[in-house]
C-alpha atoms as a PDB file:
ATOM      1  CA  UNK A   1     -70.553 -50.528 109.220  1.00  0.00           C
ATOM      2  CA  UNK A   2     -68.810 -48.648 111.850  1.00  0.00           C
ATOM      3  CA  UNK A   3     -68.598 -45.138 112.295  1.00  0.00           C
ATOM      4  CA  UNK A   4     -64.559 -45.236 111.810  1.00  0.00           C
ATOM      5  CA  UNK A   5     -64.676 -47.354 108.652  1.00  0.00           C
ATOM      6  CA  UNK A   6     -67.674 -44.736 107.072  1.00  0.00           C
ATOM      7  CA  UNK A   7     -65.059 -41.855 107.720  1.00  0.00           C
ATOM      8  CA  UNK A   8     -61.791 -43.936 105.872  1.00  0.00           C
ATOM      9  CA  UNK A   9     -64.296 -44.823 103.236  1.00  0.00           C
ATOM     10  CA  UNK A  10     -65.024 -41.453 102.847  1.00  0.00           C
ATOM     11  CA  UNK A  11     -61.873 -40.250 102.666  1.00  0.00           C
ATOM     12  CA  UNK A  12     -60.379 -42.593 100.216  1.00  0.00           C
ATOM     13  CA  UNK A  13     -63.433 -41.688  98.173  1.00  0.00           C
ATOM     14  CA  UNK A  14     -62.533 -38.155  98.672  1.00  0.00           C
ATOM     15  CA  UNK A  15     -58.675 -38.644  97.757  1.00  0.00           C
ATOM     16  CA  UNK A  16     -60.037 -40.706  94.559  1.00  0.00           C
ATOM     17  CA  UNK A  17     -62.045 -37.753  93.647  1.00  0.00           C
ATOM     18  CA  UNK A  18     -59.555 -35.114  93.825  1.00  0.00           C
ATOM     19  CA  UNK A  19     -56.479 -36.999  92.168  1.00  0.00           C
ATOM     20  CA  UNK A  20     -59.370 -37.647  89.582  1.00  0.00           C
ATOM     21  CA  UNK A  21     -60.192 -34.000  88.982  1.00  0.00           C
ATOM     22  CA  UNK A  22     -56.268 -33.023  89.166  1.00  0.00           C
ATOM     23  CA  UNK A  23     -55.707 -35.572  86.131  1.00  0.00           C
ATOM     24  CA  UNK A  24     -58.602 -34.008  84.241  1.00  0.00           C
ATOM     25  CA  UNK A  25     -57.451 -30.548  84.919  1.00  0.00           C
ATOM     26  CA  UNK A  26     -53.603 -30.886  84.509  1.00  0.00           C
ATOM     27  CA  UNK A  27     -52.583 -31.392  80.667  1.00  0.00           C
ATOM     28  CA  UNK A  28     -49.859 -31.727  78.735  1.00  0.00           C
ATOM     29  CA  UNK A  29     -49.675 -30.737  75.140  1.00  0.00           C
ATOM     30  CA  UNK A  30     -47.006 -32.251  73.048  1.00  0.00           C
ATOM     31  CA  UNK A  31     -45.543 -30.132  70.118  1.00  0.00           C
ATOM     32  CA  UNK A  32     -43.536 -30.929  67.326  1.00  0.00           C
ATOM     33  CA  UNK A  33     -41.690 -28.489  65.200  1.00  0.00           C
ATOM     34  CA  UNK A  34     -38.664 -28.074  62.315  1.00  0.00           C
ATOM     35  CA  UNK A  35     -38.200 -25.095  64.640  1.00  0.00           C
ATOM     36  CA  UNK A  36     -35.100 -25.098  66.490  1.00  0.00           C
ATOM     37  CA  UNK A  37     -33.754 -22.763  69.380  1.00  0.00           C
ATOM     38  CA  UNK A  38     -31.706 -19.466  67.958  1.00  0.00           C
ATOM     39  CA  UNK A  39     -34.215 -18.981  65.199  1.00  0.00           C
ATOM     40  CA  UNK A  40     -37.657 -17.405  65.185  1.00  0.00           C
ATOM     41  CA  UNK A  41     -40.218 -19.929  65.343  1.00  0.00           C
ATOM     42  CA  UNK A  42     -37.962 -22.178  68.070  1.00  0.00           C
ATOM     43  CA  UNK A  43     -37.279 -18.930  70.255  1.00  0.00           C
ATOM     44  CA  UNK A  44     -40.739 -17.449  70.146  1.00  0.00           C
ATOM     45  CA  UNK A  45     -42.211 -21.117  71.293  1.00  0.00           C
ATOM     46  CA  UNK A  46     -39.640 -20.950  74.038  1.00  0.00           C
ATOM     47  CA  UNK A  47     -39.964 -17.226  75.026  1.00  0.00           C
ATOM     48  CA  UNK A  48     -43.728 -16.445  74.115  1.00  0.00           C
ATOM     49  CA  UNK A  49     -45.733 -19.663  73.877  1.00  0.00           C
ATOM     50  CA  UNK A  50     -44.765 -21.753  76.389  1.00  0.00           C
ATOM     51  CA  UNK A  51     -44.435 -19.164  79.133  1.00  0.00           C
ATOM     52  CA  UNK A  52     -47.590 -17.473  78.086  1.00  0.00           C
ATOM     53  CA  UNK A  53     -49.606 -20.994  78.736  1.00  0.00           C
ATOM     54  CA  UNK A  54     -47.914 -21.433  82.304  1.00  0.00           C
ATOM     55  CA  UNK A  55     -49.609 -17.914  83.199  1.00  0.00           C
ATOM     56  CA  UNK A  56     -52.627 -18.211  81.760  1.00  0.00           C
ATOM     57  CA  UNK A  57     -53.122 -21.299  83.037  1.00  0.00           C
ATOM     58  CA  UNK A  58     -51.197 -21.039  86.221  1.00  0.00           C
ATOM     59  CA  UNK A  59     -49.442 -24.404  85.624  1.00  0.00           C
ATOM     60  CA  UNK A  60     -52.496 -26.392  84.419  1.00  0.00           C
ATOM     61  CA  UNK A  61     -52.134 -26.778  81.094  1.00  0.00           C
ATOM     62  CA  UNK A  62     -48.246 -27.169  80.263  1.00  0.00           C
ATOM     63  CA  UNK A  63     -46.903 -27.389  76.499  1.00  0.00           C
ATOM     64  CA  UNK A  64     -43.603 -30.110  75.846  1.00  0.00           C
ATOM     65  CA  UNK A  65     -41.555 -29.010  72.939  1.00  0.00           C
ATOM     66  CA  UNK A  66     -39.985 -31.180  70.471  1.00  0.00           C
ATOM     67  CA  UNK A  67     -37.764 -28.916  68.707  1.00  0.00           C
ATOM     68  CA  UNK A  68     -36.183 -29.766  65.267  1.00  0.00           C
ATOM     69  CA  UNK A  69     -37.678 -32.286  64.416  1.00  0.00           C
ATOM     70  CA  UNK A  70     -36.644 -34.635  66.917  1.00  0.00           C
ATOM     71  CA  UNK A  71     -40.308 -35.987  66.964  1.00  0.00           C
ATOM     72  CA  UNK A  72     -41.413 -35.651  63.229  1.00  0.00           C
ATOM     73  CA  UNK A  73     -41.777 -32.691  60.725  1.00  0.00           C
ATOM     74  CA  UNK A  74     -44.535 -30.783  59.312  1.00  0.00           C
ATOM     75  CA  UNK A  75     -47.145 -32.800  57.450  1.00  0.00           C
ATOM     76  CA  UNK A  76     -45.704 -36.187  59.269  1.00  0.00           C
ATOM     77  CA  UNK A  77     -46.528 -34.413  62.874  1.00  0.00           C
ATOM     78  CA  UNK A  78     -49.931 -33.696  61.255  1.00  0.00           C
ATOM     79  CA  UNK A  79     -50.220 -36.925  61.248  1.00  0.00           C
ATOM     80  CA  UNK A  80     -49.240 -37.602  64.004  1.00  0.00           C
ATOM     81  CA  UNK A  81     -51.444 -35.060  65.897  1.00  0.00           C
ATOM     82  CA  UNK A  82     -54.271 -37.250  64.125  1.00  0.00           C
ATOM     83  CA  UNK A  83     -53.489 -40.148  66.129  1.00  0.00           C
ATOM     84  CA  UNK A  84     -53.057 -38.078  69.143  1.00  0.00           C
ATOM     85  CA  UNK A  85     -49.489 -38.738  69.719  1.00  0.00           C
ATOM     86  CA  UNK A  86     -48.903 -35.121  69.850  1.00  0.00           C
ATOM     87  CA  UNK A  87     -51.366 -32.471  70.508  1.00  0.00           C
ATOM     88  CA  UNK A  88     -49.407 -29.122  68.617  1.00  0.00           C
ATOM     89  CA  UNK A  89     -47.461 -29.062  65.518  1.00  0.00           C
ATOM     90  CA  UNK A  90     -46.265 -26.399  63.404  1.00  0.00           C
ATOM     91  CA  UNK A  91     -45.860 -26.603  59.281  1.00  0.00           C
ATOM     92  CA  UNK A  92     -45.522 -24.276  56.433  1.00  0.00           C
ATOM     93  CA  UNK A  93     -49.216 -23.535  54.862  1.00  0.00           C
ATOM     94  CA  UNK A  94     -47.982 -25.162  51.838  1.00  0.00           C
ATOM     95  CA  UNK A  95     -47.749 -28.623  53.278  1.00  0.00           C
ATOM     96  CA  UNK A  96     -50.780 -28.173  55.331  1.00  0.00           C
ATOM     97  CA  UNK A  97     -51.868 -28.634  51.430  1.00  0.00           C
ATOM     98  CA  UNK A  98     -52.074 -32.661  52.303  1.00  0.00           C
ATOM     99  CA  UNK A  99     -54.606 -32.067  54.825  1.00  0.00           C
ATOM    100  CA  UNK A 100     -57.089 -29.829  52.672  1.00  0.00           C
ATOM    101  CA  UNK A 101     -57.091 -26.478  50.722  1.00  0.00           C
ATOM    102  CA  UNK A 102     -58.518 -24.128  53.214  1.00  0.00           C
ATOM    103  CA  UNK A 103     -55.063 -22.213  53.774  1.00  0.00           C
ATOM    104  CA  UNK A 104     -53.810 -22.532  50.170  1.00  0.00           C
ATOM    105  CA  UNK A 105     -54.649 -19.042  49.590  1.00  0.00           C
ATOM    106  CA  UNK A 106     -52.007 -17.840  52.014  1.00  0.00           C
ATOM    107  CA  UNK A 107     -49.851 -19.404  49.108  1.00  0.00           C
ATOM    108  CA  UNK A 108     -50.858 -17.547  45.701  1.00  0.00           C
ATOM    109  CA  UNK A 109     -48.454 -15.865  44.442  1.00  0.00           C
ATOM    110  CA  UNK A 110     -48.467 -12.023  44.996  1.00  0.00           C
ATOM    111  CA  UNK A 111     -51.574 -12.632  47.138  1.00  0.00           C
ATOM    112  CA  UNK A 112     -49.468 -10.297  49.568  1.00  0.00           C
ATOM    113  CA  UNK A 113     -48.230  -6.834  48.637  1.00  0.00           C
ATOM    114  CA  UNK A 114     -45.815  -6.344  51.982  1.00  0.00           C
ATOM    115  CA  UNK A 115     -45.380  -8.140  55.415  1.00  0.00           C
ATOM    116  CA  UNK A 116     -47.332  -5.598  56.879  1.00  0.00           C
ATOM    117  CA  UNK A 117     -50.471  -6.253  54.532  1.00  0.00           C
ATOM    118  CA  UNK A 118     -49.948 -10.049  54.841  1.00  0.00           C
ATOM    119  CA  UNK A 119     -49.951  -9.399  59.126  1.00  0.00           C
ATOM    120  CA  UNK A 120     -52.622  -6.727  59.014  1.00  0.00           C
ATOM    121  CA  UNK A 121     -55.048  -8.679  56.760  1.00  0.00           C
ATOM    122  CA  UNK A 122     -54.346 -12.282  58.647  1.00  0.00           C
ATOM    123  CA  UNK A 123     -54.532 -10.778  61.523  1.00  0.00           C
ATOM    124  CA  UNK A 124     -57.923  -8.601  61.050  1.00  0.00           C
ATOM    125  CA  UNK A 125     -60.112 -11.439  59.218  1.00  0.00           C
ATOM    126  CA  UNK A 126     -58.217 -14.217  56.697  1.00  0.00           C
ATOM    127  CA  UNK A 127     -56.247 -16.065  58.923  1.00  0.00           C
ATOM    128  CA  UNK A 128     -59.429 -16.699  61.997  1.00  0.00           C
ATOM    129  CA  UNK A 129     -61.515 -17.152  58.339  1.00  0.00           C
ATOM    130  CA  UNK A 130     -59.429 -19.800  56.763  1.00  0.00           C
ATOM    131  CA  UNK A 131     -58.347 -21.537  60.570  1.00  0.00           C
ATOM    132  CA  UNK A 132     -62.487 -22.242  61.238  1.00  0.00           C
ATOM    133  CA  UNK A 133     -62.644 -23.710  57.716  1.00  0.00           C
ATOM    134  CA  UNK A 134     -60.214 -25.601  58.128  1.00  0.00           C
ATOM    135  CA  UNK A 135     -61.306 -26.726  61.776  1.00  0.00           C
ATOM    136  CA  UNK A 136     -64.786 -27.910  60.243  1.00  0.00           C
ATOM    137  CA  UNK A 137     -63.322 -30.034  57.275  1.00  0.00           C
ATOM    138  CA  UNK A 138     -59.742 -30.540  57.713  1.00  0.00           C
ATOM    139  CA  UNK A 139     -59.301 -32.439  61.159  1.00  0.00           C
ATOM    140  CA  UNK A 140     -57.236 -29.325  62.211  1.00  0.00           C
ATOM    141  CA  UNK A 141     -57.239 -26.217  63.844  1.00  0.00           C
ATOM    142  CA  UNK A 142     -54.588 -23.423  62.782  1.00  0.00           C
ATOM    143  CA  UNK A 143     -54.355 -21.372  65.867  1.00  0.00           C
ATOM    144  CA  UNK A 144     -51.689 -18.654  64.618  1.00  0.00           C
ATOM    145  CA  UNK A 145     -50.633 -17.979  60.506  1.00  0.00           C
ATOM    146  CA  UNK A 146     -47.524 -16.066  60.649  1.00  0.00           C
ATOM    147  CA  UNK A 147     -44.401 -15.357  58.432  1.00  0.00           C
ATOM    148  CA  UNK A 148     -40.898 -17.346  58.315  1.00  0.00           C
ATOM    149  CA  UNK A 149     -38.786 -15.297  56.612  1.00  0.00           C
ATOM    150  CA  UNK A 150     -40.922 -13.464  54.514  1.00  0.00           C
ATOM    151  CA  UNK A 151     -41.007 -13.392  50.601  1.00  0.00           C
ATOM    152  CA  UNK A 152     -39.036 -15.138  48.376  1.00  0.00           C
ATOM    153  CA  UNK A 153     -36.295 -12.795  46.582  1.00  0.00           C
ATOM    154  CA  UNK A 154     -34.681 -13.238  43.531  1.00  0.00           C
ATOM    155  CA  UNK A 155     -31.022 -13.575  43.296  1.00  0.00           C
ATOM    156  CA  UNK A 156     -28.363 -14.438  40.661  1.00  0.00           C
ATOM    157  CA  UNK A 157     -25.002 -14.965  39.983  1.00  0.00           C
ATOM    158  CA  UNK A 158     -24.704 -13.222  36.195  1.00  0.00           C
ATOM    159  CA  UNK A 159     -26.622  -9.807  35.968  1.00  0.00           C
ATOM    160  CA  UNK A 160     -28.796  -7.477  36.817  1.00  0.00           C
ATOM    161  CA  UNK A 161     -32.438  -8.619  36.247  1.00  0.00           C
ATOM    162  CA  UNK A 162     -35.237  -6.030  36.695  1.00  0.00           C
ATOM    163  CA  UNK A 163     -38.145  -7.259  34.353  1.00  0.00           C
ATOM    164  CA  UNK A 164     -38.845 -10.777  33.544  1.00  0.00           C
ATOM    165  CA  UNK A 165     -37.134 -10.623  30.063  1.00  0.00           C
ATOM    166  CA  UNK A 166     -33.645 -10.232  31.759  1.00  0.00           C
ATOM    167  CA  UNK A 167     -34.463 -13.712  33.504  1.00  0.00           C
ATOM    168  CA  UNK A 168     -34.304 -14.866  29.690  1.00  0.00           C
ATOM    169  CA  UNK A 169     -32.613 -18.290  29.211  1.00  0.00           C
ATOM    170  CA  UNK A 170     -30.804 -18.282  32.506  1.00  0.00           C
ATOM    171  CA  UNK A 171     -30.588 -21.597  34.673  1.00  0.00           C
ATOM    172  CA  UNK A 172     -33.205 -20.677  37.365  1.00  0.00           C
ATOM    173  CA  UNK A 173     -32.904 -23.432  40.684  1.00  0.00           C
ATOM    174  CA  UNK A 174     -36.420 -24.226  41.155  1.00  0.00           C
ATOM    175  CA  UNK A 175     -37.710 -26.648  44.322  1.00  0.00           C
ATOM    176  CA  UNK A 176     -40.384 -29.232  43.545  1.00  0.00           C
ATOM    177  CA  UNK A 177     -43.045 -27.093  44.012  1.00  0.00           C
ATOM    178  CA  UNK A 178     -45.010 -26.622  40.955  1.00  0.00           C
ATOM    179  CA  UNK A 179     -45.855 -22.816  41.276  1.00  0.00           C
ATOM    180  CA  UNK A 180     -42.119 -22.024  42.045  1.00  0.00           C
ATOM    181  CA  UNK A 181     -41.538 -24.251  38.289  1.00  0.00           C
ATOM    182  CA  UNK A 182     -44.236 -22.463  36.737  1.00  0.00           C
ATOM    183  CA  UNK A 183     -43.206 -18.885  37.522  1.00  0.00           C
ATOM    184  CA  UNK A 184     -39.785 -18.975  36.517  1.00  0.00           C
ATOM    185  CA  UNK A 185     -41.055 -20.752  33.403  1.00  0.00           C
ATOM    186  CA  UNK A 186     -43.139 -17.819  32.773  1.00  0.00           C
ATOM    187  CA  UNK A 187     -40.501 -15.337  33.516  1.00  0.00           C
ATOM    188  CA  UNK A 188     -38.553 -16.706  30.703  1.00  0.00           C
ATOM    189  CA  UNK A 189     -35.743 -18.685  32.814  1.00  0.00           C
ATOM    190  CA  UNK A 190     -35.166 -22.242  32.299  1.00  0.00           C
ATOM    191  CA  UNK A 191     -36.510 -24.132  35.879  1.00  0.00           C
ATOM    192  CA  UNK A 192     -33.849 -26.204  37.203  1.00  0.00           C
ATOM    193  CA  UNK A 193     -34.586 -28.457  40.094  1.00  0.00           C
ATOM    194  CA  UNK A 194     -31.912 -28.147  42.071  1.00  0.00           C
ATOM    195  CA  UNK A 195     -30.948 -29.325  45.893  1.00  0.00           C
ATOM    196  CA  UNK A 196     -30.901 -26.785  48.420  1.00  0.00           C
ATOM    197  CA  UNK A 197     -27.823 -28.450  50.090  1.00  0.00           C
ATOM    198  CA  UNK A 198     -25.781 -28.517  46.781  1.00  0.00           C
ATOM    199  CA  UNK A 199     -27.268 -24.551  46.035  1.00  0.00           C
ATOM    200  CA  UNK A 200     -23.828 -22.742  47.138  1.00  0.00           C
ATOM    201  CA  UNK A 201     -21.996 -25.112  44.981  1.00  0.00           C
ATOM    202  CA  UNK A 202     -24.165 -24.847  42.098  1.00  0.00           C
ATOM    203  CA  UNK A 203     -24.231 -21.215  41.790  1.00  0.00           C
ATOM    204  CA  UNK A 204     -20.173 -21.092  42.293  1.00  0.00           C
ATOM    205  CA  UNK A 205     -20.061 -23.598  39.590  1.00  0.00           C
ATOM    206  CA  UNK A 206     -22.608 -22.298  37.050  1.00  0.00           C
ATOM    207  CA  UNK A 207     -24.523 -25.019  37.090  1.00  0.00           C
ATOM    208  CA  UNK A 208     -27.066 -23.057  37.954  1.00  0.00           C
ATOM    209  CA  UNK A 209     -27.500 -19.271  37.903  1.00  0.00           C
ATOM    210  CA  UNK A 210     -29.965 -18.054  40.131  1.00  0.00           C
ATOM    211  CA  UNK A 211     -32.933 -18.973  42.923  1.00  0.00           C
ATOM    212  CA  UNK A 212     -35.932 -17.676  44.763  1.00  0.00           C
ATOM    213  CA  UNK A 213     -35.645 -18.155  48.292  1.00  0.00           C
ATOM    214  CA  UNK A 214     -36.046 -16.344  51.248  1.00  0.00           C
ATOM    215  CA  UNK A 215     -34.112 -13.593  51.675  1.00  0.00           C
ATOM    216  CA  UNK A 216     -32.785 -14.564  55.441  1.00  0.00           C
ATOM    217  CA  UNK A 217     -32.209 -18.322  54.024  1.00  0.00           C
ATOM    218  CA  UNK A 218     -30.015 -17.223  51.138  1.00  0.00           C
ATOM    219  CA  UNK A 219     -28.207 -15.267  53.866  1.00  0.00           C
ATOM    220  CA  UNK A 220     -27.796 -18.235  56.303  1.00  0.00           C
ATOM    221  CA  UNK A 221     -26.867 -20.405  53.294  1.00  0.00           C
ATOM    222  CA  UNK A 222     -24.350 -17.301  52.487  1.00  0.00           C
ATOM    223  CA  UNK A 223     -25.485 -17.668  48.668  1.00  0.00           C
ATOM    224  CA  UNK A 224     -24.494 -13.571  48.582  1.00  0.00           C
ATOM    225  CA  UNK A 225     -20.789 -14.823  48.596  1.00  0.00           C
ATOM    226  CA  UNK A 226     -21.650 -16.658  45.063  1.00  0.00           C
ATOM    227  CA  UNK A 227     -25.179 -14.925  43.804  1.00  0.00           C
ATOM    228  CA  UNK A 228     -24.222 -10.404  43.461  1.00  0.00           C
ATOM    229  CA  UNK A 229     -27.791  -9.593  42.108  1.00  0.00           C
ATOM    230  CA  UNK A 230     -31.044  -9.003  43.917  1.00  0.00           C
ATOM    231  CA  UNK A 231     -34.771  -8.629  42.272  1.00  0.00           C
ATOM    232  CA  UNK A 232     -36.623  -7.621  45.334  1.00  0.00           C
ATOM    233  CA  UNK A 233     -40.333  -8.641  44.078  1.00  0.00           C
ATOM    234  CA  UNK A 234     -41.972 -10.278  46.686  1.00  0.00           C
ATOM    235  CA  UNK A 235     -44.202 -12.722  45.402  1.00  0.00           C
ATOM    236  CA  UNK A 236     -44.368 -15.817  47.332  1.00  0.00           C
ATOM    237  CA  UNK A 237     -44.734 -15.282  51.389  1.00  0.00           C
ATOM    238  CA  UNK A 238     -43.525 -18.277  53.388  1.00  0.00           C
ATOM    239  CA  UNK A 239     -46.847 -18.320  55.575  1.00  0.00           C
ATOM    240  CA  UNK A 240     -46.528 -21.098  58.542  1.00  0.00           C
ATOM    241  CA  UNK A 241     -49.249 -22.031  61.380  1.00  0.00           C
ATOM    242  CA  UNK A 242     -49.300 -23.156  64.423  1.00  0.00           C
ATOM    243  CA  UNK A 243     -51.764 -25.961  64.687  1.00  0.00           C
ATOM    244  CA  UNK A 244     -53.828 -28.726  66.834  1.00  0.00           C
ATOM    245  CA  UNK A 245     -55.752 -31.794  66.146  1.00  0.00           C
ATOM    246  CA  UNK A 246     -59.434 -30.987  65.945  1.00  0.00           C
ATOM    247  CA  UNK A 247     -60.494 -33.769  68.266  1.00  0.00           C
ATOM    248  CA  UNK A 248     -57.636 -32.884  70.647  1.00  0.00           C
ATOM    249  CA  UNK A 249     -58.999 -29.368  70.625  1.00  0.00           C
ATOM    250  CA  UNK A 250     -62.455 -30.027  71.179  1.00  0.00           C
ATOM    251  CA  UNK A 251     -61.978 -32.361  73.878  1.00  0.00           C
ATOM    252  CA  UNK A 252     -60.578 -29.495  75.862  1.00  0.00           C
ATOM    253  CA  UNK A 253     -62.908 -27.576  78.656  1.00  0.00           C
ATOM    254  CA  UNK A 254     -63.965 -23.977  77.577  1.00  0.00           C
ATOM    255  CA  UNK A 255     -61.400 -22.671  79.872  1.00  0.00           C
ATOM    256  CA  UNK A 256     -58.193 -25.026  78.807  1.00  0.00           C
ATOM    257  CA  UNK A 257     -59.283 -23.666  75.065  1.00  0.00           C
ATOM    258  CA  UNK A 258     -59.283 -19.745  76.223  1.00  0.00           C
ATOM    259  CA  UNK A 259     -55.810 -20.040  77.799  1.00  0.00           C
ATOM    260  CA  UNK A 260     -54.676 -21.753  74.441  1.00  0.00           C
ATOM    261  CA  UNK A 261     -55.856 -19.378  72.390  1.00  0.00           C
ATOM    262  CA  UNK A 262     -54.149 -16.831  74.671  1.00  0.00           C
ATOM    263  CA  UNK A 263     -50.429 -18.399  74.111  1.00  0.00           C
ATOM    264  CA  UNK A 264     -51.205 -18.793  70.705  1.00  0.00           C
ATOM    265  CA  UNK A 265     -51.950 -15.022  70.114  1.00  0.00           C
ATOM    266  CA  UNK A 266     -48.798 -14.448  72.089  1.00  0.00           C
ATOM    267  CA  UNK A 267     -46.493 -16.809  69.926  1.00  0.00           C
ATOM    268  CA  UNK A 268     -47.985 -15.145  66.889  1.00  0.00           C
ATOM    269  CA  UNK A 269     -47.024 -11.976  67.967  1.00  0.00           C
ATOM    270  CA  UNK A 270     -43.690 -12.737  69.211  1.00  0.00           C
ATOM    271  CA  UNK A 271     -42.729 -14.979  66.374  1.00  0.00           C
ATOM    272  CA  UNK A 272     -43.758 -12.137  63.632  1.00  0.00           C
ATOM    273  CA  UNK A 273     -41.485  -9.769  65.941  1.00  0.00           C
ATOM    274  CA  UNK A 274     -38.429 -11.921  65.688  1.00  0.00           C
ATOM    275  CA  UNK A 275     -39.508 -12.881  61.988  1.00  0.00           C
ATOM    276  CA  UNK A 276     -39.295  -9.360  61.295  1.00  0.00           C
ATOM    277  CA  UNK A 277     -35.985  -8.556  62.888  1.00  0.00           C
ATOM    278  CA  UNK A 278     -34.462 -11.892  61.028  1.00  0.00           C
ATOM    279  CA  UNK A 279     -35.624 -10.556  57.204  1.00  0.00           C
ATOM    280  CA  UNK A 280     -34.004  -7.263  57.891  1.00  0.00           C
ATOM    281  CA  UNK A 281     -30.433  -8.461  59.540  1.00  0.00           C
ATOM    282  CA  UNK A 282     -30.509 -11.388  56.517  1.00  0.00           C
ATOM    283  CA  UNK A 283     -31.039  -8.411  54.073  1.00  0.00           C
ATOM    284  CA  UNK A 284     -28.424  -5.673  55.508  1.00  0.00           C
ATOM    285  CA  UNK A 285     -26.158  -8.382  55.310  1.00  0.00           C
ATOM    286  CA  UNK A 286     -26.770  -9.135  51.705  1.00  0.00           C
ATOM    287  CA  UNK A 287     -27.373  -5.917  50.418  1.00  0.00           C
ATOM    288  CA  UNK A 288     -23.558  -4.603  51.974  1.00  0.00           C
ATOM    289  CA  UNK A 289     -22.008  -7.050  49.677  1.00  0.00           C
ATOM    290  CA  UNK A 290     -24.271  -7.089  47.037  1.00  0.00           C
ATOM    291  CA  UNK A 291     -23.658  -5.500  43.292  1.00  0.00           C
ATOM    292  CA  UNK A 292     -27.195  -4.323  43.031  1.00  0.00           C
ATOM    293  CA  UNK A 293     -30.508  -5.090  45.314  1.00  0.00           C
ATOM    294  CA  UNK A 294     -33.061  -3.563  42.834  1.00  0.00           C
ATOM    295  CA  UNK A 295     -36.774  -2.709  43.764  1.00  0.00           C
ATOM    296  CA  UNK A 296     -38.669  -2.662  40.547  1.00  0.00           C
ATOM    297  CA  UNK A 297     -41.371  -0.199  40.003  1.00  0.00           C
ATOM    298  CA  UNK A 298     -44.921  -0.562  39.845  1.00  0.00           C
ATOM    299  CA  UNK A 299     -45.223  -0.712  36.405  1.00  0.00           C
ATOM    300  CA  UNK A 300     -42.029  -3.221  36.542  1.00  0.00           C
ATOM    301  CA  UNK A 301     -43.978  -5.407  39.023  1.00  0.00           C
ATOM    302  CA  UNK A 302     -46.793  -5.500  36.756  1.00  0.00           C
ATOM    303  CA  UNK A 303     -44.943  -7.319  34.325  1.00  0.00           C
ATOM    304  CA  UNK A 304     -44.018 -10.086  37.283  1.00  0.00           C
ATOM    305  CA  UNK A 305     -47.288 -10.301  38.650  1.00  0.00           C
ATOM    306  CA  UNK A 306     -48.562 -11.293  34.955  1.00  0.00           C
ATOM    307  CA  UNK A 307     -46.134 -14.264  35.324  1.00  0.00           C
ATOM    308  CA  UNK A 308     -47.871 -15.774  38.190  1.00  0.00           C
ATOM    309  CA  UNK A 309     -51.020 -15.805  36.340  1.00  0.00           C
ATOM    310  CA  UNK A 310     -50.867 -18.794  35.250  1.00  0.00           C
ATOM    311  CA  UNK A 311     -50.292 -20.456  38.720  1.00  0.00           C
ATOM    312  CA  UNK A 312     -53.800 -18.698  40.193  1.00  0.00           C
ATOM    313  CA  UNK A 313     -55.088 -20.240  37.267  1.00  0.00           C
ATOM    314  CA  UNK A 314     -54.077 -23.889  37.784  1.00  0.00           C
ATOM    315  CA  UNK A 315     -54.928 -22.932  41.958  1.00  0.00           C
ATOM    316  CA  UNK A 316     -58.505 -22.783  40.840  1.00  0.00           C
ATOM    317  CA  UNK A 317     -61.058 -24.981  43.221  1.00  0.00           C
ATOM    318  CA  UNK A 318     -58.474 -24.621  45.972  1.00  0.00           C
ATOM    319  CA  UNK A 319     -59.396 -21.054  46.882  1.00  0.00           C
ATOM    320  CA  UNK A 320     -62.922 -18.484  46.965  1.00  0.00           C
ATOM    321  CA  UNK A 321     -62.521 -16.057  44.350  1.00  0.00           C
ATOM    322  CA  UNK A 322     -64.361 -13.156  46.125  1.00  0.00           C
ATOM    323  CA  UNK A 323     -62.090 -13.778  49.008  1.00  0.00           C
ATOM    324  CA  UNK A 324     -58.664 -13.389  47.154  1.00  0.00           C
ATOM    325  CA  UNK A 325     -60.061 -10.600  45.382  1.00  0.00           C
ATOM    326  CA  UNK A 326     -61.332  -8.952  48.810  1.00  0.00           C
ATOM    327  CA  UNK A 327     -57.438  -9.605  49.981  1.00  0.00           C
ATOM    328  CA  UNK A 328     -56.381  -8.069  46.797  1.00  0.00           C
ATOM    329  CA  UNK A 329     -58.597  -5.186  46.522  1.00  0.00           C
ATOM    330  CA  UNK A 330     -57.935  -4.407  50.611  1.00  0.00           C
ATOM    331  CA  UNK A 331     -54.193  -3.455  49.385  1.00  0.00           C
ATOM    332  CA  UNK A 332     -55.030  -1.406  46.562  1.00  0.00           C
ATOM    333  CA  UNK A 333     -54.319  -4.149  43.793  1.00  0.00           C
ATOM    334  CA  UNK A 334     -56.388  -3.140  41.722  1.00  0.00           C
ATOM    335  CA  UNK A 335     -54.865  -3.590  38.469  1.00  0.00           C
ATOM    336  CA  UNK A 336     -53.876  -7.314  39.627  1.00  0.00           C
ATOM    337  CA  UNK A 337     -57.220  -8.342  40.376  1.00  0.00           C
ATOM    338  CA  UNK A 338     -57.861  -6.738  36.758  1.00  0.00           C
ATOM    339  CA  UNK A 339     -55.295  -8.984  35.182  1.00  0.00           C
ATOM    340  CA  UNK A 340     -56.458 -11.694  37.261  1.00  0.00           C
ATOM    341  CA  UNK A 341     -59.943 -11.582  35.803  1.00  0.00           C
ATOM    342  CA  UNK A 342     -59.117 -10.942  32.398  1.00  0.00           C
ATOM    343  CA  UNK A 343     -57.261 -13.970  32.351  1.00  0.00           C
ATOM    344  CA  UNK A 344     -60.586 -15.960  33.942  1.00  0.00           C
ATOM    345  CA  UNK A 345     -58.643 -16.417  37.190  1.00  0.00           C
ATOM    346  CA  UNK A 346     -60.930 -14.808  39.516  1.00  0.00           C
END
């Protein structure tokens, strides 16, 4: 072979190698989400996750979002991630249950006392611990655990509700969640499965009299226009995750994974910041028109928590008792631990 031909072959080989390296280096991660721009999850993706990845990777890894169910929603997104159709997805911790029970602890009623406690404990150790288990057992890694709407709060169109006895006989709207159904029943109301899209009219007409929905969503749906009595019991935290299929995660280089975690951390901080503002704004609007926004005493909260014990008993086997006990004790919820232990739930 002539020198000219050898040089030409080397140039072609070099170009081929460079192209292969560039293809390997440049990575686009498709993200499926129910979130939309103008709401905390969508805005945090747009304002934090995407730019943080761009900055960390120097543009070598990009995130391509598909908002508002344009590709999939929650469980379906997880299934598409398993099939390699997308890489990243967002979901409620409750809907993650279709893949495994590793995140079930976040959905236990009254596991968290406040938004601050939920964020502190999740960030300090709980999220990392449970997400590691999810990666090992369920085929997904959760990169961030955060709130979407904070806690559910009671709202009703009939009367002041301060303790569970005040709910007796009221027709209370529930979702298909067995935990929510049991809570409402144990508190003395009549659980009434009812479609979210019809809830305003249902409250207005008296078909249902109350609901247990995260406060900013109550404001978005204008439920405070027809339900004027609110009770701040907390209880069920609206946990959400940013997750990735484990096979695709493991196929990334160490450097790419480091960039991904940096971007996910930025996303987690931003989504919590936006969510806190959304909750405060929603509750301020509700309080301005409510007849009553009641905050129970600690003694009254003990009565509300008692109604959750059945849900904890039903959930046995989906969470580790020692981990749940640690979470509660770190918040000073010794009396609730005693209630759960007495009932055999811990």
